[in-house]
């Protein structure tokens, strides 16, 4: 019996250009901060028309790999990896059902637990000063029901991600946090007239800060995991997803 092959899918020329340039950027052959060749040069190198090159560059820019700036001579600038690009990827996967909310929340639980453990081991005095200032802002905003609470809360977690000294975890934290904040926006609006959630969250984060300051990695990781699980559990409707979340938080 002969082998059965899958039908092939036609690939547009611009997709091949995207693949080549992406590989060159990822491999470091085209370093971050440098510029790609001009459109005219790329047309000559690839042997394609200007619209094809422009479509490839448009896709690369949407991926967060390059940026064209007004007045810039030459080709577009090659960008360093950024949380905004990763955030767009998370949102796109949610929008196309390639990933569901439960997976995103589970990832946030694991991420916060890991970064908090690393922060407890690696934090500096400057890191602790930043965390302390953010927690104090949270407390003041929670007690007065001030809208500044959300920014202070984000600043506290950004300080923890930075203190982990792991750039991938820090960037992932910024990306996943941004997407989940969008999903929780309605609930946060409902909380504006009731600061009990803010006060409870502040107390939890004060405990997390104390664990990190004491360099108790296990305690810090546990507090962080449980806090995230409790915060985002309302987003999950499936009982199996809620059970998985509780198991990850333990």
Protein backbone atom coordinates (compact mmCIF):
# COMPACT_ATOMS: atom_id res chain seq x y z
CA UNK A 1 0.00 0.00 0.00
CA UNK A 2 1.44 3.37 -0.99
CA UNK A 3 1.91 6.16 1.54
CA UNK A 4 -0.88 8.75 1.74
CA UNK A 5 0.24 12.39 1.68
CA UNK A 6 -1.66 15.41 2.97
CA UNK A 7 -2.87 18.01 0.47
CA UNK A 8 -0.46 20.92 0.14
CA UNK A 9 -1.47 24.48 0.98
CA UNK A 10 -0.43 27.26 -1.41
CA UNK A 11 1.94 29.76 0.19
CA UNK A 12 2.01 33.40 -0.87
CA UNK A 13 5.35 34.86 -1.86
CA UNK A 14 5.21 37.50 0.88
CA UNK A 15 4.95 34.71 3.48
CA UNK A 16 8.28 33.32 2.29
CA UNK A 17 9.81 36.77 2.68
CA UNK A 18 8.41 37.04 6.21
CA UNK A 19 9.89 33.63 7.09
CA UNK A 20 13.36 34.56 5.82
CA UNK A 21 13.50 37.93 7.54
CA UNK A 22 12.10 36.50 10.78
CA UNK A 23 14.76 33.76 10.81
CA UNK A 24 17.47 36.35 10.18
CA UNK A 25 16.26 38.49 13.11
CA UNK A 26 15.79 35.58 15.52
CA UNK A 27 19.21 34.11 14.68
CA UNK A 28 20.90 37.47 15.21
CA UNK A 29 22.09 37.64 11.62
CA UNK A 30 20.16 40.91 11.48
CA UNK A 31 20.76 42.37 14.97
CA UNK A 32 18.30 44.32 17.10
CA UNK A 33 18.73 48.05 16.55
CA UNK A 34 19.90 47.70 12.96
CA UNK A 35 17.87 48.54 9.89
CA UNK A 36 16.63 46.28 7.15
CA UNK A 37 17.45 47.14 3.56
CA UNK A 38 15.24 49.65 1.78
CA UNK A 39 12.14 48.50 -0.08
CA UNK A 40 13.96 48.89 -3.38
CA UNK A 41 16.87 46.74 -2.19
CA UNK A 42 14.53 44.09 -0.79
CA UNK A 43 12.66 44.00 -4.12
CA UNK A 44 15.95 43.30 -5.88
CA UNK A 45 17.13 40.72 -3.33
CA UNK A 46 13.90 38.73 -3.35
CA UNK A 47 13.04 39.35 -7.01
CA UNK A 48 9.50 40.49 -6.23
CA UNK A 49 7.28 43.53 -6.70
CA UNK A 50 6.96 46.47 -4.30
CA UNK A 51 3.42 45.46 -3.11
CA UNK A 52 4.76 42.02 -2.15
CA UNK A 53 7.61 43.53 -0.12
CA UNK A 54 5.26 46.00 1.54
CA UNK A 55 2.84 43.24 2.55
CA UNK A 56 5.71 41.26 4.09
CA UNK A 57 6.92 44.33 6.00
CA UNK A 58 3.39 45.05 7.19
CA UNK A 59 3.14 41.55 8.68
CA UNK A 60 6.59 41.78 10.28
CA UNK A 61 5.59 45.08 11.87
CA UNK A 62 2.33 43.58 13.19
CA UNK A 63 4.46 40.82 14.75
CA UNK A 64 6.46 43.47 16.61
CA UNK A 65 9.71 42.56 14.85
CA UNK A 66 10.26 45.80 12.94
CA UNK A 67 9.11 49.41 13.01
CA UNK A 68 9.03 52.08 10.33
CA UNK A 69 9.45 55.60 11.71
CA UNK A 70 8.64 58.87 9.95
CA UNK A 71 11.68 60.53 8.44
CA UNK A 72 13.87 57.45 8.80
CA UNK A 73 16.29 56.87 5.97
CA UNK A 74 16.76 53.32 4.76
CA UNK A 75 14.66 50.35 5.81
CA UNK A 76 12.63 49.71 8.98
CA UNK A 77 14.26 49.33 12.39
CA UNK A 78 14.65 45.86 13.91
CA UNK A 79 13.05 45.82 17.37
CA UNK A 80 13.89 43.94 20.54
CA UNK A 81 11.24 41.51 21.84
CA UNK A 82 8.56 43.43 23.73
CA UNK A 83 5.61 42.69 26.04
CA UNK A 84 3.28 44.50 23.63
CA UNK A 85 4.05 42.03 20.85
CA UNK A 86 3.49 39.07 23.17
CA UNK A 87 0.31 40.67 24.49
CA UNK A 88 -1.04 40.97 20.94
CA UNK A 89 -0.27 37.28 20.43
CA UNK A 90 -2.19 36.30 23.57
CA UNK A 91 -5.17 38.43 22.53
CA UNK A 92 -5.11 36.99 19.01
CA UNK A 93 -5.06 33.43 20.36
CA UNK A 94 -8.00 34.20 22.64
CA UNK A 95 -9.88 35.82 19.77
CA UNK A 96 -9.38 32.85 17.45
CA UNK A 97 -10.03 30.21 20.15
CA UNK A 98 -6.46 28.92 19.81
CA UNK A 99 -6.27 29.43 23.58
CA UNK A 100 -9.02 29.85 26.16
CA UNK A 101 -9.21 32.03 29.24
CA UNK A 102 -8.61 29.14 31.63
CA UNK A 103 -5.23 28.44 30.00
CA UNK A 104 -4.25 32.08 30.33
CA UNK A 105 -5.25 32.19 34.01
CA UNK A 106 -3.38 28.94 34.71
CA UNK A 107 -0.29 30.42 33.07
CA UNK A 108 -0.60 33.55 35.23
CA UNK A 109 -0.77 31.39 38.39
CA UNK A 110 2.39 29.49 37.45
CA UNK A 111 4.16 32.66 36.36
CA UNK A 112 3.39 34.65 39.51
CA UNK A 113 4.41 31.76 41.73
CA UNK A 114 7.72 31.37 39.90
CA UNK A 115 8.61 35.07 39.71
CA UNK A 116 7.79 35.56 43.39
CA UNK A 117 10.07 32.68 44.37
CA UNK A 118 12.91 34.06 42.26
CA UNK A 119 12.30 37.58 43.57
CA UNK A 120 12.61 36.30 47.15
CA UNK A 121 16.01 34.85 46.29
CA UNK A 122 17.35 37.65 44.09
CA UNK A 123 15.77 40.90 45.31
CA UNK A 124 17.98 43.84 46.13
CA UNK A 125 17.39 46.71 48.53
CA UNK A 126 16.37 48.84 45.57
CA UNK A 127 13.81 46.20 44.55
CA UNK A 128 12.37 46.16 48.07
CA UNK A 129 12.15 49.95 48.12
CA UNK A 130 10.18 49.86 44.87
CA UNK A 131 7.83 47.13 46.15
CA UNK A 132 7.34 48.89 49.49
CA UNK A 133 6.43 52.18 47.81
CA UNK A 134 3.91 50.41 45.56
CA UNK A 135 2.27 48.57 48.46
CA UNK A 136 2.01 51.79 50.44
CA UNK A 137 0.33 53.43 47.43
CA UNK A 138 -2.06 50.47 47.24
CA UNK A 139 -2.97 50.81 50.92
CA UNK A 140 -3.62 54.55 50.64
CA UNK A 141 -5.68 54.11 47.47
CA UNK A 142 -7.66 51.17 48.90
CA UNK A 143 -8.57 53.05 52.06
CA UNK A 144 -9.87 56.04 50.09
CA UNK A 145 -11.19 54.00 47.14
CA UNK A 146 -8.87 55.98 44.87
CA UNK A 147 -8.62 55.02 41.14
CA UNK A 148 -4.82 55.03 41.58
CA UNK A 149 -5.14 51.57 43.12
CA UNK A 150 -4.92 49.69 39.80
CA UNK A 151 -1.71 51.44 38.76
CA UNK A 152 -0.14 50.90 42.19
CA UNK A 153 -1.09 47.22 42.08
CA UNK A 154 0.49 46.83 38.64
CA UNK A 155 3.63 48.66 39.82
CA UNK A 156 3.98 46.21 42.72
CA UNK A 157 3.83 43.18 40.44
CA UNK A 158 6.13 44.77 37.87
CA UNK A 159 8.66 45.25 40.68
CA UNK A 160 8.41 41.54 41.51
CA UNK A 161 8.83 40.49 37.87
CA UNK A 162 11.89 42.72 37.58
CA UNK A 163 13.35 41.38 40.83
CA UNK A 164 13.15 37.83 39.46
CA UNK A 165 16.05 38.77 37.13
CA UNK A 166 14.45 36.66 34.40
CA UNK A 167 13.69 38.73 31.33
CA UNK A 168 11.38 36.14 29.76
CA UNK A 169 9.25 35.86 32.90
CA UNK A 170 9.17 39.64 33.27
CA UNK A 171 8.01 40.15 29.69
CA UNK A 172 5.45 37.34 30.01
CA UNK A 173 4.09 38.89 33.19
CA UNK A 174 3.55 42.23 31.52
CA UNK A 175 1.88 40.60 28.53
CA UNK A 176 -0.51 38.25 30.31
CA UNK A 177 -1.37 40.87 32.93
CA UNK A 178 -2.40 43.32 30.22
CA UNK A 179 -4.77 40.82 28.59
CA UNK A 180 -6.36 39.72 31.87
CA UNK A 181 -6.88 43.32 32.97
CA UNK A 182 -8.89 43.89 29.80
CA UNK A 183 -11.02 40.83 30.56
CA UNK A 184 -11.57 41.98 34.15
CA UNK A 185 -12.34 45.58 33.26
CA UNK A 186 -16.11 45.26 33.86
CA UNK A 187 -15.63 43.65 37.26
CA UNK A 188 -13.10 46.31 38.20
CA UNK A 189 -15.64 48.97 37.23
CA UNK A 190 -18.18 47.31 39.53
CA UNK A 191 -15.60 47.38 42.34
CA UNK A 192 -15.27 51.16 42.18
CA UNK A 193 -18.11 51.60 44.64
CA UNK A 194 -16.87 48.87 47.01
CA UNK A 195 -13.28 48.96 48.19
CA UNK A 196 -13.41 45.70 50.17
CA UNK A 197 -11.79 43.81 47.29
CA UNK A 198 -9.02 46.43 47.14
CA UNK A 199 -8.41 46.26 50.88
CA UNK A 200 -8.25 42.46 50.78
CA UNK A 201 -5.89 42.51 47.80
CA UNK A 202 -3.66 45.03 49.57
CA UNK A 203 -3.44 42.85 52.67
CA UNK A 204 -2.46 39.87 50.52
CA UNK A 205 0.22 41.82 48.68
CA UNK A 206 1.59 43.18 51.95
CA UNK A 207 2.03 39.56 53.04
CA UNK A 208 3.71 38.75 49.73
CA UNK A 209 6.07 41.68 50.18
CA UNK A 210 7.00 40.54 53.67
CA UNK A 211 7.74 37.02 52.41
CA UNK A 212 9.96 38.37 49.63
CA UNK A 213 11.73 40.71 52.05
CA UNK A 214 12.36 37.75 54.39
CA UNK A 215 13.64 35.74 51.41
CA UNK A 216 11.08 33.01 52.10
CA UNK A 217 10.71 31.74 48.55
CA UNK A 218 8.23 28.95 49.30
CA UNK A 219 5.89 31.24 51.23
CA UNK A 220 6.11 33.96 48.58
CA UNK A 221 5.32 31.52 45.78
CA UNK A 222 2.33 30.10 47.62
CA UNK A 223 0.86 33.51 48.43
CA UNK A 224 1.25 34.63 44.82
CA UNK A 225 -0.34 31.51 43.34
CA UNK A 226 -3.35 31.58 45.66
CA UNK A 227 -3.87 35.32 45.15
CA UNK A 228 -4.01 35.02 41.37
CA UNK A 229 -6.27 31.96 41.50
CA UNK A 230 -8.76 33.72 43.76
CA UNK A 231 -8.66 36.91 41.72
CA UNK A 232 -9.37 35.33 38.35
CA UNK A 233 -11.51 32.34 39.31
CA UNK A 234 -14.70 34.33 38.44
CA UNK A 235 -13.61 34.28 34.79
CA UNK A 236 -13.93 30.49 34.67
CA UNK A 237 -17.33 28.88 34.15
CA UNK A 238 -16.29 25.24 33.80
CA UNK A 239 -15.99 23.28 37.06
CA UNK A 240 -13.07 21.27 35.66
CA UNK A 241 -11.19 24.48 34.92
CA UNK A 242 -11.85 25.78 38.43
CA UNK A 243 -10.57 22.51 39.92
CA UNK A 244 -7.40 22.71 37.82
CA UNK A 245 -6.89 26.26 39.03
CA UNK A 246 -7.23 25.23 42.68
CA UNK A 247 -4.71 22.43 42.18
CA UNK A 248 -2.20 24.81 40.61
CA UNK A 249 -2.68 27.26 43.47
CA UNK A 250 -1.85 24.66 46.15
